[in-house]
Amino acid sequence: MPGPSNGKKVKKPKRRLGAWRAYPNTPAGKERIIKRLIQQDKELFELQMESAKLDFEAKKLEAEAELSQDVIIKVLTADNVPEAQRVLRGCLARGDSPRTTLRELDRASVGGFSQNRY
């Protein structure tokens, strides 16, 4: 006696549309797999590019930190510390890079004054 005892009709399970695509040995299944692999390859490439950009930024920041440390050492070990501090304040106010600040400090220690850019 098939079916439930309460008199309701038994529904047959419906075939999923596109279920044949799930099988990798069909042309549509192979196409779907290839598309997925291409998409994953694109995503991997984008992640690698982002990683390279972040590595470059990190190296740039490390170099800038080392230069900033050199600036501080140069100011603290200068013959004329107040003059070196004045040059440093001027460079910081202008927003100069640590490399430019080192150049200005060298100029100030050799020439006795720094050239203003104004």
C-alpha atoms as a PDB file:
ATOM      1  CA  MET A   1       0.000   0.000   0.000  1.00  0.00           C
ATOM      2  CA  PRO A   2       2.024   2.993  -1.262  1.00  0.00           C
ATOM      3  CA  GLY A   3       1.522   6.500   0.071  1.00  0.00           C
ATOM      4  CA  PRO A   4       0.527   7.934   3.413  1.00  0.00           C
ATOM      5  CA  SER A   5      -2.396   6.570   5.334  1.00  0.00           C
ATOM      6  CA  ASN A   6      -4.044   9.987   5.734  1.00  0.00           C
ATOM      7  CA  GLY A   7      -5.224  10.078   2.114  1.00  0.00           C
ATOM      8  CA  LYS A   8      -2.902  12.817   0.841  1.00  0.00           C
ATOM      9  CA  LYS A   9      -1.192  12.429  -2.498  1.00  0.00           C
ATOM     10  CA  VAL A  10       2.522  11.673  -2.513  1.00  0.00           C
ATOM     11  CA  LYS A  11       4.468  14.308  -4.458  1.00  0.00           C
ATOM     12  CA  LYS A  12       7.259  13.051  -6.639  1.00  0.00           C
ATOM     13  CA  PRO A  13      10.553  14.851  -6.128  1.00  0.00           C
ATOM     14  CA  LYS A  14      11.016  17.349  -8.950  1.00  0.00           C
ATOM     15  CA  ARG A  15      14.131  17.206 -11.044  1.00  0.00           C
ATOM     16  CA  ARG A  16      16.339  20.195 -10.400  1.00  0.00           C
ATOM     17  CA  LEU A  17      16.766  22.412 -13.416  1.00  0.00           C
ATOM     18  CA  GLY A  18      20.372  22.523 -14.449  1.00  0.00           C
ATOM     19  CA  ALA A  19      21.312  19.552 -12.289  1.00  0.00           C
ATOM     20  CA  TRP A  20      23.106  18.002 -15.257  1.00  0.00           C
ATOM     21  CA  ARG A  21      25.634  20.837 -15.070  1.00  0.00           C
ATOM     22  CA  ALA A  22      26.907  19.504 -11.757  1.00  0.00           C
ATOM     23  CA  TYR A  23      28.515  16.541 -13.486  1.00  0.00           C
ATOM     24  CA  PRO A  24      32.048  17.309 -14.691  1.00  0.00           C
ATOM     25  CA  ASN A  25      31.943  14.839 -17.583  1.00  0.00           C
ATOM     26  CA  THR A  26      29.289  16.829 -19.468  1.00  0.00           C
ATOM     27  CA  PRO A  27      30.238  19.755 -21.725  1.00  0.00           C
ATOM     28  CA  ALA A  28      28.305  22.229 -19.580  1.00  0.00           C
ATOM     29  CA  GLY A  29      29.936  20.897 -16.420  1.00  0.00           C
ATOM     30  CA  LYS A  30      33.392  21.266 -17.954  1.00  0.00           C
ATOM     31  CA  GLU A  31      32.573  24.797 -19.087  1.00  0.00           C
ATOM     32  CA  ARG A  32      31.391  25.711 -15.596  1.00  0.00           C
ATOM     33  CA  ILE A  33      34.563  24.304 -14.043  1.00  0.00           C
ATOM     34  CA  ILE A  34      36.741  26.224 -16.524  1.00  0.00           C
ATOM     35  CA  LYS A  35      34.888  29.479 -15.792  1.00  0.00           C
ATOM     36  CA  ARG A  36      35.314  28.932 -12.062  1.00  0.00           C
ATOM     37  CA  LEU A  37      39.050  28.262 -12.478  1.00  0.00           C
ATOM     38  CA  ILE A  38      39.484  31.409 -14.582  1.00  0.00           C
ATOM     39  CA  GLN A  39      37.653  33.462 -11.945  1.00  0.00           C
ATOM     40  CA  GLN A  40      39.799  31.989  -9.170  1.00  0.00           C
ATOM     41  CA  ASP A  41      42.933  32.759 -11.200  1.00  0.00           C
ATOM     42  CA  LYS A  42      41.825  36.389 -11.613  1.00  0.00           C
ATOM     43  CA  GLU A  43      41.132  36.695  -7.888  1.00  0.00           C
ATOM     44  CA  LEU A  44      44.526  35.170  -7.058  1.00  0.00           C
ATOM     45  CA  PHE A  45      46.272  37.624  -9.392  1.00  0.00           C
ATOM     46  CA  GLU A  46      44.448  40.574  -7.787  1.00  0.00           C
ATOM     47  CA  LEU A  47      45.451  39.364  -4.320  1.00  0.00           C
ATOM     48  CA  GLN A  48      49.073  38.987  -5.419  1.00  0.00           C
ATOM     49  CA  MET A  49      49.067  42.530  -6.831  1.00  0.00           C
ATOM     50  CA  GLU A  50      47.590  43.877  -3.598  1.00  0.00           C
ATOM     51  CA  SER A  51      50.221  41.971  -1.615  1.00  0.00           C
ATOM     52  CA  ALA A  52      53.007  43.428  -3.771  1.00  0.00           C
ATOM     53  CA  LYS A  53      51.634  46.951  -3.252  1.00  0.00           C
ATOM     54  CA  LEU A  54      51.505  46.433   0.509  1.00  0.00           C
ATOM     55  CA  ASP A  55      55.066  45.057   0.535  1.00  0.00           C
ATOM     56  CA  PHE A  56      56.273  48.107  -1.390  1.00  0.00           C
ATOM     57  CA  GLU A  57      54.491  50.470   1.024  1.00  0.00           C
ATOM     58  CA  ALA A  58      56.000  48.634   4.011  1.00  0.00           C
ATOM     59  CA  LYS A  59      59.525  48.925   2.603  1.00  0.00           C
ATOM     60  CA  LYS A  60      58.971  52.607   1.859  1.00  0.00           C
ATOM     61  CA  LEU A  61      57.757  53.237   5.407  1.00  0.00           C
ATOM     62  CA  GLU A  62      60.714  51.325   6.870  1.00  0.00           C
ATOM     63  CA  ALA A  63      63.147  53.431   4.841  1.00  0.00           C
ATOM     64  CA  GLU A  64      61.398  56.617   5.941  1.00  0.00           C
ATOM     65  CA  ALA A  65      61.542  55.492   9.578  1.00  0.00           C
ATOM     66  CA  GLU A  66      65.283  54.875   9.283  1.00  0.00           C
ATOM     67  CA  LEU A  67      65.765  58.323   7.745  1.00  0.00           C
ATOM     68  CA  SER A  68      63.690  59.889  10.524  1.00  0.00           C
ATOM     69  CA  GLN A  69      65.918  58.158  13.054  1.00  0.00           C
ATOM     70  CA  ASP A  70      68.973  59.556  11.248  1.00  0.00           C
ATOM     71  CA  VAL A  71      67.435  63.048  11.427  1.00  0.00           C
ATOM     72  CA  ILE A  72      66.920  62.758  15.189  1.00  0.00           C
ATOM     73  CA  ILE A  73      70.490  61.525  15.692  1.00  0.00           C
ATOM     74  CA  LYS A  74      71.859  64.361  13.553  1.00  0.00           C
ATOM     75  CA  VAL A  75      69.871  66.978  15.522  1.00  0.00           C
ATOM     76  CA  LEU A  76      70.971  65.583  18.883  1.00  0.00           C
ATOM     77  CA  THR A  77      74.631  65.289  17.898  1.00  0.00           C
ATOM     78  CA  ALA A  78      74.879  68.638  16.089  1.00  0.00           C
ATOM     79  CA  ASP A  79      77.506  71.191  17.137  1.00  0.00           C
ATOM     80  CA  ASN A  80      74.845  73.886  17.354  1.00  0.00           C
ATOM     81  CA  VAL A  81      71.788  72.047  18.730  1.00  0.00           C
ATOM     82  CA  PRO A  82      69.453  75.103  18.886  1.00  0.00           C
ATOM     83  CA  GLU A  83      70.182  75.901  15.212  1.00  0.00           C
ATOM     84  CA  ALA A  84      69.587  72.260  14.249  1.00  0.00           C
ATOM     85  CA  GLN A  85      66.300  72.265  16.174  1.00  0.00           C
ATOM     86  CA  ARG A  86      65.248  75.464  14.401  1.00  0.00           C
ATOM     87  CA  VAL A  87      65.999  73.902  11.005  1.00  0.00           C
ATOM     88  CA  LEU A  88      64.109  70.751  12.022  1.00  0.00           C
ATOM     89  CA  ARG A  89      61.061  72.777  13.115  1.00  0.00           C
ATOM     90  CA  GLY A  90      61.094  74.644   9.802  1.00  0.00           C
ATOM     91  CA  CYS A  91      61.259  71.416   7.830  1.00  0.00           C
ATOM     92  CA  LEU A  92      58.454  69.868   9.863  1.00  0.00           C
ATOM     93  CA  ALA A  93      56.303  72.972   9.397  1.00  0.00           C
ATOM     94  CA  ARG A  94      56.799  72.758   5.624  1.00  0.00           C
ATOM     95  CA  GLY A  95      56.117  69.021   5.650  1.00  0.00           C
ATOM     96  CA  ASP A  96      59.481  68.087   4.151  1.00  0.00           C
ATOM     97  CA  SER A  97      60.496  64.464   3.801  1.00  0.00           C
ATOM     98  CA  PRO A  98      63.173  63.088   6.141  1.00  0.00           C
ATOM     99  CA  ARG A  99      65.631  63.017   3.223  1.00  0.00           C
ATOM    100  CA  THR A 100      65.129  66.749   2.566  1.00  0.00           C
ATOM    101  CA  THR A 101      65.404  67.454   6.285  1.00  0.00           C
ATOM    102  CA  LEU A 102      68.769  65.656   6.388  1.00  0.00           C
ATOM    103  CA  ARG A 103      69.955  67.776   3.450  1.00  0.00           C
ATOM    104  CA  GLU A 104      68.818  70.965   5.202  1.00  0.00           C
ATOM    105  CA  LEU A 105      70.588  69.931   8.415  1.00  0.00           C
ATOM    106  CA  ASP A 106      73.788  69.230   6.473  1.00  0.00           C
ATOM    107  CA  ARG A 107      73.545  72.623   4.802  1.00  0.00           C
ATOM    108  CA  ALA A 108      72.910  74.323   8.142  1.00  0.00           C
ATOM    109  CA  SER A 109      75.867  72.609   9.815  1.00  0.00           C
ATOM    110  CA  VAL A 110      78.261  73.436   6.954  1.00  0.00           C
ATOM    111  CA  GLY A 111      77.070  76.884   5.937  1.00  0.00           C
ATOM    112  CA  GLY A 112      75.817  78.056   9.289  1.00  0.00           C
ATOM    113  CA  PHE A 113      72.344  78.778   7.941  1.00  0.00           C
ATOM    114  CA  SER A 114      69.648  77.039   5.957  1.00  0.00           C
ATOM    115  CA  GLN A 115      68.275  78.420   2.745  1.00  0.00           C
ATOM    116  CA  ASN A 116      64.639  79.324   2.956  1.00  0.00           C
ATOM    117  CA  ARG A 117      62.431  78.373   0.045  1.00  0.00           C
ATOM    118  CA  TYR A 118      60.261  81.437   0.297  1.00  0.00           C
END
